[in-house]
Amino acid sequence: MGNTCKSTKTDSIIASIVESPMSIVSNNQLEEIPPPPPSTTTTKITTTKLYQSSNGSTIREEKEEEEEITRTKT
């Protein structure tokens, strides 16, 4: 019995979807969607160099760079 009730509900939902004018709905949705803003990604690059000096001590040199990448989707 429960299955029959479920199928009846599903049929009524499908019928209401078919009755609504789908073409107008999709056109309105396309007009309302704004173009996506360009996404900016900042990438931090850290380069570490290790030097072995003549007296046996290790010299560490760190270099930090920030690179900004802007992607514009068309």
PDB file of N, CA and C in Angstrom:
ATOM      1  N   MET A   1       0.843  -1.209   0.000  1.00  0.00           N
ATOM      2  CA  MET A   1       0.000   0.000   0.000  1.00  0.00           C
ATOM      3  C   MET A   1       0.880   1.262   0.000  1.00  0.00           C
ATOM      4  N   GLY A   2       1.926   1.239   0.790  1.00  0.00           N
ATOM      5  CA  GLY A   2       2.801   2.405   0.895  1.00  0.00           C
ATOM      6  C   GLY A   2       3.434   2.770  -0.442  1.00  0.00           C
ATOM      7  N   ASN A   3       3.809   1.750  -1.221  1.00  0.00           N
ATOM      8  CA  ASN A   3       4.426   2.022  -2.517  1.00  0.00           C
ATOM      9  C   ASN A   3       3.467   2.748  -3.448  1.00  0.00           C
ATOM     10  N   THR A   4       2.177   2.375  -3.412  1.00  0.00           N
ATOM     11  CA  THR A   4       1.192   3.019  -4.280  1.00  0.00           C
ATOM     12  C   THR A   4       1.085   4.504  -3.955  1.00  0.00           C
ATOM     13  N   CYS A   5       1.072   4.858  -2.668  1.00  0.00           N
ATOM     14  CA  CYS A   5       0.987   6.266  -2.268  1.00  0.00           C
ATOM     15  C   CYS A   5       2.201   7.035  -2.765  1.00  0.00           C
ATOM     16  N   LYS A   6       3.388   6.436  -2.624  1.00  0.00           N
ATOM     17  CA  LYS A   6       4.607   7.119  -3.058  1.00  0.00           C
ATOM     18  C   LYS A   6       4.563   7.388  -4.556  1.00  0.00           C
ATOM     19  N   SER A   7       4.148   6.395  -5.347  1.00  0.00           N
ATOM     20  CA  SER A   7       4.138   6.583  -6.797  1.00  0.00           C
ATOM     21  C   SER A   7       3.132   7.668  -7.183  1.00  0.00           C
ATOM     22  N   THR A   8       2.006   7.759  -6.471  1.00  0.00           N
ATOM     23  CA  THR A   8       1.019   8.801  -6.758  1.00  0.00           C
ATOM     24  C   THR A   8       1.620  10.176  -6.503  1.00  0.00           C
ATOM     25  N   LYS A   9       2.339  10.337  -5.389  1.00  0.00           N
ATOM     26  CA  LYS A   9       2.986  11.617  -5.096  1.00  0.00           C
ATOM     27  C   LYS A   9       3.989  11.973  -6.190  1.00  0.00           C
ATOM     28  N   THR A  10       4.790  10.998  -6.592  1.00  0.00           N
ATOM     29  CA  THR A  10       5.801  11.246  -7.623  1.00  0.00           C
ATOM     30  C   THR A  10       5.136  11.683  -8.919  1.00  0.00           C
ATOM     31  N   ASP A  11       4.032  11.027  -9.297  1.00  0.00           N
ATOM     32  CA  ASP A  11       3.332  11.384 -10.533  1.00  0.00           C
ATOM     33  C   ASP A  11       2.860  12.830 -10.485  1.00  0.00           C
ATOM     34  N   SER A  12       2.317  13.261  -9.355  1.00  0.00           N
ATOM     35  CA  SER A  12       1.810  14.628  -9.267  1.00  0.00           C
ATOM     36  C   SER A  12       2.954  15.634  -9.355  1.00  0.00           C
ATOM     37  N   ILE A  13       4.110  15.308  -8.762  1.00  0.00           N
ATOM     38  CA  ILE A  13       5.270  16.210  -8.840  1.00  0.00           C
ATOM     39  C   ILE A  13       5.736  16.318 -10.289  1.00  0.00           C
ATOM     40  N   ILE A  14       5.846  15.193 -10.981  1.00  0.00           N
ATOM     41  CA  ILE A  14       6.281  15.204 -12.382  1.00  0.00           C
ATOM     42  C   ILE A  14       5.304  16.022 -13.224  1.00  0.00           C
ATOM     43  N   ALA A  15       4.014  15.851 -12.983  1.00  0.00           N
ATOM     44  CA  ALA A  15       3.009  16.576 -13.757  1.00  0.00           C
ATOM     45  C   ALA A  15       3.171  18.081 -13.561  1.00  0.00           C
ATOM     46  N   SER A  16       3.394  18.531 -12.330  1.00  0.00           N
ATOM     47  CA  SER A  16       3.523  19.966 -12.082  1.00  0.00           C
ATOM     48  C   SER A  16       4.784  20.523 -12.747  1.00  0.00           C
ATOM     49  N   ILE A  17       5.859  19.734 -12.785  1.00  0.00           N
ATOM     50  CA  ILE A  17       7.088  20.191 -13.445  1.00  0.00           C
ATOM     51  C   ILE A  17       6.844  20.332 -14.945  1.00  0.00           C
ATOM     52  N   VAL A  18       6.165  19.359 -15.540  1.00  0.00           N
ATOM     53  CA  VAL A  18       5.901  19.396 -16.980  1.00  0.00           C
ATOM     54  C   VAL A  18       5.006  20.585 -17.323  1.00  0.00           C
ATOM     55  N   GLU A  19       4.056  20.918 -16.453  1.00  0.00           N
ATOM     56  CA  GLU A  19       3.122  22.006 -16.752  1.00  0.00           C
ATOM     57  C   GLU A  19       3.801  23.377 -16.741  1.00  0.00           C
ATOM     58  N   SER A  20       4.843  23.567 -15.935  1.00  0.00           N
ATOM     59  CA  SER A  20       5.486  24.883 -15.868  1.00  0.00           C
ATOM     60  C   SER A  20       6.280  25.158 -17.146  1.00  0.00           C
ATOM     61  N   PRO A  21       6.260  26.394 -17.629  1.00  0.00           N
ATOM     62  CA  PRO A  21       6.994  26.713 -18.866  1.00  0.00           C
ATOM     63  C   PRO A  21       8.510  26.695 -18.624  1.00  0.00           C
ATOM     64  N   MET A  22       9.154  25.634 -19.052  1.00  0.00           N
ATOM     65  CA  MET A  22      10.574  25.459 -18.752  1.00  0.00           C
ATOM     66  C   MET A  22      11.451  26.449 -19.518  1.00  0.00           C
ATOM     67  N   SER A  23      11.102  26.779 -20.744  1.00  0.00           N
ATOM     68  CA  SER A  23      11.965  27.648 -21.551  1.00  0.00           C
ATOM     69  C   SER A  23      12.094  29.033 -20.924  1.00  0.00           C
ATOM     70  N   ILE A  24      10.999  29.586 -20.412  1.00  0.00           N
ATOM     71  CA  ILE A  24      11.033  30.912 -19.788  1.00  0.00           C
ATOM     72  C   ILE A  24      11.887  30.867 -18.520  1.00  0.00           C
ATOM     73  N   VAL A  25      11.737  29.811 -17.731  1.00  0.00           N
ATOM     74  CA  VAL A  25      12.502  29.683 -16.489  1.00  0.00           C
ATOM     75  C   VAL A  25      13.996  29.655 -16.800  1.00  0.00           C
ATOM     76  N   SER A  26      14.409  28.856 -17.789  1.00  0.00           N
ATOM     77  CA  SER A  26      15.838  28.753 -18.089  1.00  0.00           C
ATOM     78  C   SER A  26      16.377  30.072 -18.638  1.00  0.00           C
ATOM     79  N   ASN A  27      15.596  30.799 -19.433  1.00  0.00           N
ATOM     80  CA  ASN A  27      16.054  32.093 -19.942  1.00  0.00           C
ATOM     81  C   ASN A  27      16.277  33.083 -18.806  1.00  0.00           C
ATOM     82  N   ASN A  28      15.347  33.149 -17.852  1.00  0.00           N
ATOM     83  CA  ASN A  28      15.507  34.059 -16.717  1.00  0.00           C
ATOM     84  C   ASN A  28      16.755  33.708 -15.911  1.00  0.00           C
ATOM     85  N   GLN A  29      17.006  32.427 -15.694  1.00  0.00           N
ATOM     86  CA  GLN A  29      18.182  32.016 -14.926  1.00  0.00           C
ATOM     87  C   GLN A  29      19.462  32.457 -15.628  1.00  0.00           C
ATOM     88  N   LEU A  30      19.524  32.320 -16.949  1.00  0.00           N
ATOM     89  CA  LEU A  30      20.723  32.716 -17.676  1.00  0.00           C
ATOM     90  C   LEU A  30      20.977  34.214 -17.527  1.00  0.00           C
ATOM     91  N   GLU A  31      19.944  35.033 -17.570  1.00  0.00           N
ATOM     92  CA  GLU A  31      20.122  36.478 -17.470  1.00  0.00           C
ATOM     93  C   GLU A  31      20.560  36.895 -16.067  1.00  0.00           C
ATOM     94  N   GLU A  32      20.104  36.179 -15.041  1.00  0.00           N
ATOM     95  CA  GLU A  32      20.378  36.598 -13.666  1.00  0.00           C
ATOM     96  C   GLU A  32      21.778  36.209 -13.189  1.00  0.00           C
ATOM     97  N   ILE A  33      22.446  35.274 -13.861  1.00  0.00           N
ATOM     98  CA  ILE A  33      23.765  34.822 -13.398  1.00  0.00           C
ATOM     99  C   ILE A  33      24.815  35.859 -13.806  1.00  0.00           C
ATOM    100  N   PRO A  34      25.477  36.502 -12.840  1.00  0.00           N
ATOM    101  CA  PRO A  34      26.516  37.477 -13.182  1.00  0.00           C
ATOM    102  C   PRO A  34      27.808  36.776 -13.598  1.00  0.00           C
ATOM    103  N   PRO A  35      28.650  37.427 -14.393  1.00  0.00           N
ATOM    104  CA  PRO A  35      29.922  36.801 -14.752  1.00  0.00           C
ATOM    105  C   PRO A  35      30.804  36.651 -13.520  1.00  0.00           C
ATOM    106  N   PRO A  36      31.537  35.552 -13.406  1.00  0.00           N
ATOM    107  CA  PRO A  36      32.352  35.334 -12.209  1.00  0.00           C
ATOM    108  C   PRO A  36      33.494  36.344 -12.133  1.00  0.00           C
ATOM    109  N   PRO A  37      33.803  36.850 -10.945  1.00  0.00           N
ATOM    110  CA  PRO A  37      34.906  37.803 -10.811  1.00  0.00           C
ATOM    111  C   PRO A  37      36.248  37.115 -11.035  1.00  0.00           C
ATOM    112  N   PRO A  38      37.248  37.847 -11.515  1.00  0.00           N
ATOM    113  CA  PRO A  38      38.566  37.227 -11.706  1.00  0.00           C
ATOM    114  C   PRO A  38      39.153  36.794 -10.374  1.00  0.00           C
ATOM    115  N   SER A  39      39.638  35.567 -10.328  1.00  0.00           N
ATOM    116  CA  SER A  39      40.167  35.038  -9.070  1.00  0.00           C
ATOM    117  C   SER A  39      41.668  35.313  -8.998  1.00  0.00           C
ATOM    118  N   THR A  40      42.100  35.867  -7.879  1.00  0.00           N
ATOM    119  CA  THR A  40      43.514  36.181  -7.680  1.00  0.00           C
ATOM    120  C   THR A  40      44.089  35.216  -6.655  1.00  0.00           C
ATOM    121  N   THR A  41      45.152  34.534  -7.050  1.00  0.00           N
ATOM    122  CA  THR A  41      45.806  33.585  -6.167  1.00  0.00           C
ATOM    123  C   THR A  41      47.206  34.097  -5.850  1.00  0.00           C
ATOM    124  N   THR A  42      47.525  34.200  -4.572  1.00  0.00           N
ATOM    125  CA  THR A  42      48.867  34.617  -4.165  1.00  0.00           C
ATOM    126  C   THR A  42      49.651  33.381  -3.748  1.00  0.00           C
ATOM    127  N   THR A  43      50.754  33.145  -4.446  1.00  0.00           N
ATOM    128  CA  THR A  43      51.588  31.990  -4.163  1.00  0.00           C
ATOM    129  C   THR A  43      52.874  32.462  -3.503  1.00  0.00           C
ATOM    130  N   LYS A  44      53.205  31.884  -2.365  1.00  0.00           N
ATOM    131  CA  LYS A  44      54.440  32.230  -1.657  1.00  0.00           C
ATOM    132  C   LYS A  44      55.480  31.154  -1.934  1.00  0.00           C
ATOM    133  N   ILE A  45      56.611  31.577  -2.497  1.00  0.00           N
ATOM    134  CA  ILE A  45      57.687  30.644  -2.824  1.00  0.00           C
ATOM    135  C   ILE A  45      58.851  30.917  -1.879  1.00  0.00           C
ATOM    136  N   THR A  46      59.255  29.913  -1.119  1.00  0.00           N
ATOM    137  CA  THR A  46      60.399  30.041  -0.214  1.00  0.00           C
ATOM    138  C   THR A  46      61.522  29.142  -0.719  1.00  0.00           C
ATOM    139  N   THR A  47      62.652  29.762  -1.039  1.00  0.00           N
ATOM    140  CA  THR A  47      63.810  29.009  -1.506  1.00  0.00           C
ATOM    141  C   THR A  47      64.855  28.989  -0.397  1.00  0.00           C
ATOM    142  N   THR A  48      65.276  27.803  -0.010  1.00  0.00           N
ATOM    143  CA  THR A  48      66.286  27.660   1.043  1.00  0.00           C
ATOM    144  C   THR A  48      67.555  27.069   0.437  1.00  0.00           C
ATOM    145  N   LYS A  49      68.674  27.787   0.616  1.00  0.00           N
ATOM    146  CA  LYS A  49      69.962  27.290   0.124  1.00  0.00           C
ATOM    147  C   LYS A  49      70.876  27.042   1.320  1.00  0.00           C
ATOM    148  N   LEU A  50      71.544  25.896   1.311  1.00  0.00           N
ATOM    149  CA  LEU A  50      72.491  25.561   2.381  1.00  0.00           C
ATOM    150  C   LEU A  50      73.905  25.560   1.803  1.00  0.00           C
ATOM    151  N   TYR A  51      74.784  26.329   2.439  1.00  0.00           N
ATOM    152  CA  TYR A  51      76.184  26.387   2.015  1.00  0.00           C
ATOM    153  C   TYR A  51      77.055  25.751   3.090  1.00  0.00           C
ATOM    154  N   GLN A  52      78.042  25.003   2.666  1.00  0.00           N
ATOM    155  CA  GLN A  52      79.020  24.434   3.597  1.00  0.00           C
ATOM    156  C   GLN A  52      80.280  25.304   3.496  1.00  0.00           C
ATOM    157  N   SER A  53      80.570  26.012   4.587  1.00  0.00           N
ATOM    158  CA  SER A  53      81.736  26.902   4.561  1.00  0.00           C
ATOM    159  C   SER A  53      83.024  26.121   4.833  1.00  0.00           C
ATOM    160  N   SER A  54      84.160  26.793   4.607  1.00  0.00           N
ATOM    161  CA  SER A  54      85.465  26.113   4.714  1.00  0.00           C
ATOM    162  C   SER A  54      85.759  25.643   6.135  1.00  0.00           C
ATOM    163  N   ASN A  55      85.247  26.343   7.154  1.00  0.00           N
ATOM    164  CA  ASN A  55      85.546  25.934   8.537  1.00  0.00           C
ATOM    165  C   ASN A  55      84.548  24.901   9.076  1.00  0.00           C
ATOM    166  N   GLY A  56      83.639  24.397   8.237  1.00  0.00           N
ATOM    167  CA  GLY A  56      82.767  23.303   8.648  1.00  0.00           C
ATOM    168  C   GLY A  56      81.384  23.749   9.088  1.00  0.00           C
ATOM    169  N   SER A  57      81.133  25.049   9.251  1.00  0.00           N
ATOM    170  CA  SER A  57      79.807  25.510   9.666  1.00  0.00           C
ATOM    171  C   SER A  57      78.892  25.623   8.444  1.00  0.00           C
ATOM    172  N   THR A  58      77.598  25.491   8.674  1.00  0.00           N
ATOM    173  CA  THR A  58      76.620  25.536   7.593  1.00  0.00           C
ATOM    174  C   THR A  58      75.961  26.907   7.563  1.00  0.00           C
ATOM    175  N   ILE A  59      75.981  27.527   6.393  1.00  0.00           N
ATOM    176  CA  ILE A  59      75.335  28.828   6.216  1.00  0.00           C
ATOM    177  C   ILE A  59      74.000  28.584   5.511  1.00  0.00           C
ATOM    178  N   ARG A  60      72.954  29.103   6.107  1.00  0.00           N
ATOM    179  CA  ARG A  60      71.607  28.906   5.553  1.00  0.00           C
ATOM    180  C   ARG A  60      71.100  30.228   4.989  1.00  0.00           C
ATOM    181  N   GLU A  61      70.645  30.196   3.741  1.00  0.00           N
ATOM    182  CA  GLU A  61      70.138  31.404   3.091  1.00  0.00           C
ATOM    183  C   GLU A  61      68.708  31.139   2.650  1.00  0.00           C
ATOM    184  N   GLU A  62      67.778  31.960   3.152  1.00  0.00           N
ATOM    185  CA  GLU A  62      66.370  31.809   2.782  1.00  0.00           C
ATOM    186  C   GLU A  62      65.925  32.998   1.958  1.00  0.00           C
ATOM    187  N   LYS A  63      65.212  32.716   0.889  1.00  0.00           N
ATOM    188  CA  LYS A  63      64.706  33.763   0.009  1.00  0.00           C
ATOM    189  C   LYS A  63      63.201  33.546  -0.139  1.00  0.00           C
ATOM    190  N   GLU A  64      62.428  34.567   0.178  1.00  0.00           N
ATOM    191  CA  GLU A  64      60.970  34.449   0.125  1.00  0.00           C
ATOM    192  C   GLU A  64      60.425  35.359  -0.968  1.00  0.00           C
ATOM    193  N   GLU A  65      59.613  34.792  -1.850  1.00  0.00           N
ATOM    194  CA  GLU A  65      59.009  35.559  -2.939  1.00  0.00           C
ATOM    195  C   GLU A  65      57.498  35.358  -2.913  1.00  0.00           C
ATOM    196  N   GLU A  66      56.773  36.419  -3.232  1.00  0.00           N
ATOM    197  CA  GLU A  66      55.322  36.302  -3.383  1.00  0.00           C
ATOM    198  C   GLU A  66      54.963  36.589  -4.828  1.00  0.00           C
ATOM    199  N   GLU A  67      54.212  35.676  -5.402  1.00  0.00           N
ATOM    200  CA  GLU A  67      53.807  35.818  -6.794  1.00  0.00           C
ATOM    201  C   GLU A  67      52.288  35.848  -6.853  1.00  0.00           C
ATOM    202  N   GLU A  68      51.755  36.871  -7.528  1.00  0.00           N
ATOM    203  CA  GLU A  68      50.304  37.013  -7.619  1.00  0.00           C
ATOM    204  C   GLU A  68      49.853  36.605  -9.018  1.00  0.00           C
ATOM    205  N   ILE A  69      48.961  35.636  -9.066  1.00  0.00           N
ATOM    206  CA  ILE A  69      48.449  35.131 -10.337  1.00  0.00           C
ATOM    207  C   ILE A  69      46.966  35.482 -10.424  1.00  0.00           C
ATOM    208  N   THR A  70      46.595  36.196 -11.477  1.00  0.00           N
ATOM    209  CA  THR A  70      45.190  36.557 -11.675  1.00  0.00           C
ATOM    210  C   THR A  70      44.654  35.779 -12.869  1.00  0.00           C
ATOM    211  N   ARG A  71      43.587  35.037 -12.621  1.00  0.00           N
ATOM    212  CA  ARG A  71      42.947  34.284 -13.702  1.00  0.00           C
ATOM    213  C   ARG A  71      41.584  34.897 -13.990  1.00  0.00           C
ATOM    214  N   THR A  72      41.358  35.244 -15.245  1.00  0.00           N
ATOM    215  CA  THR A  72      40.059  35.784 -15.643  1.00  0.00           C
ATOM    216  C   THR A  72      39.356  34.736 -16.494  1.00  0.00           C
ATOM    217  N   LYS A  73      38.193  34.317 -16.031  1.00  0.00           N
ATOM    218  CA  LYS A  73      37.409  33.340 -16.788  1.00  0.00           C
ATOM    219  C   LYS A  73      36.512  34.069 -17.774  1.00  0.00           C
ATOM    220  N   THR A  74      36.522  33.590 -19.013  1.00  0.00           N
ATOM    221  CA  THR A  74      35.685  34.230 -20.042  1.00  0.00           C
ATOM    222  C   THR A  74      34.528  33.327 -20.397  1.00  0.00           C
TER     223      THR A  74
END
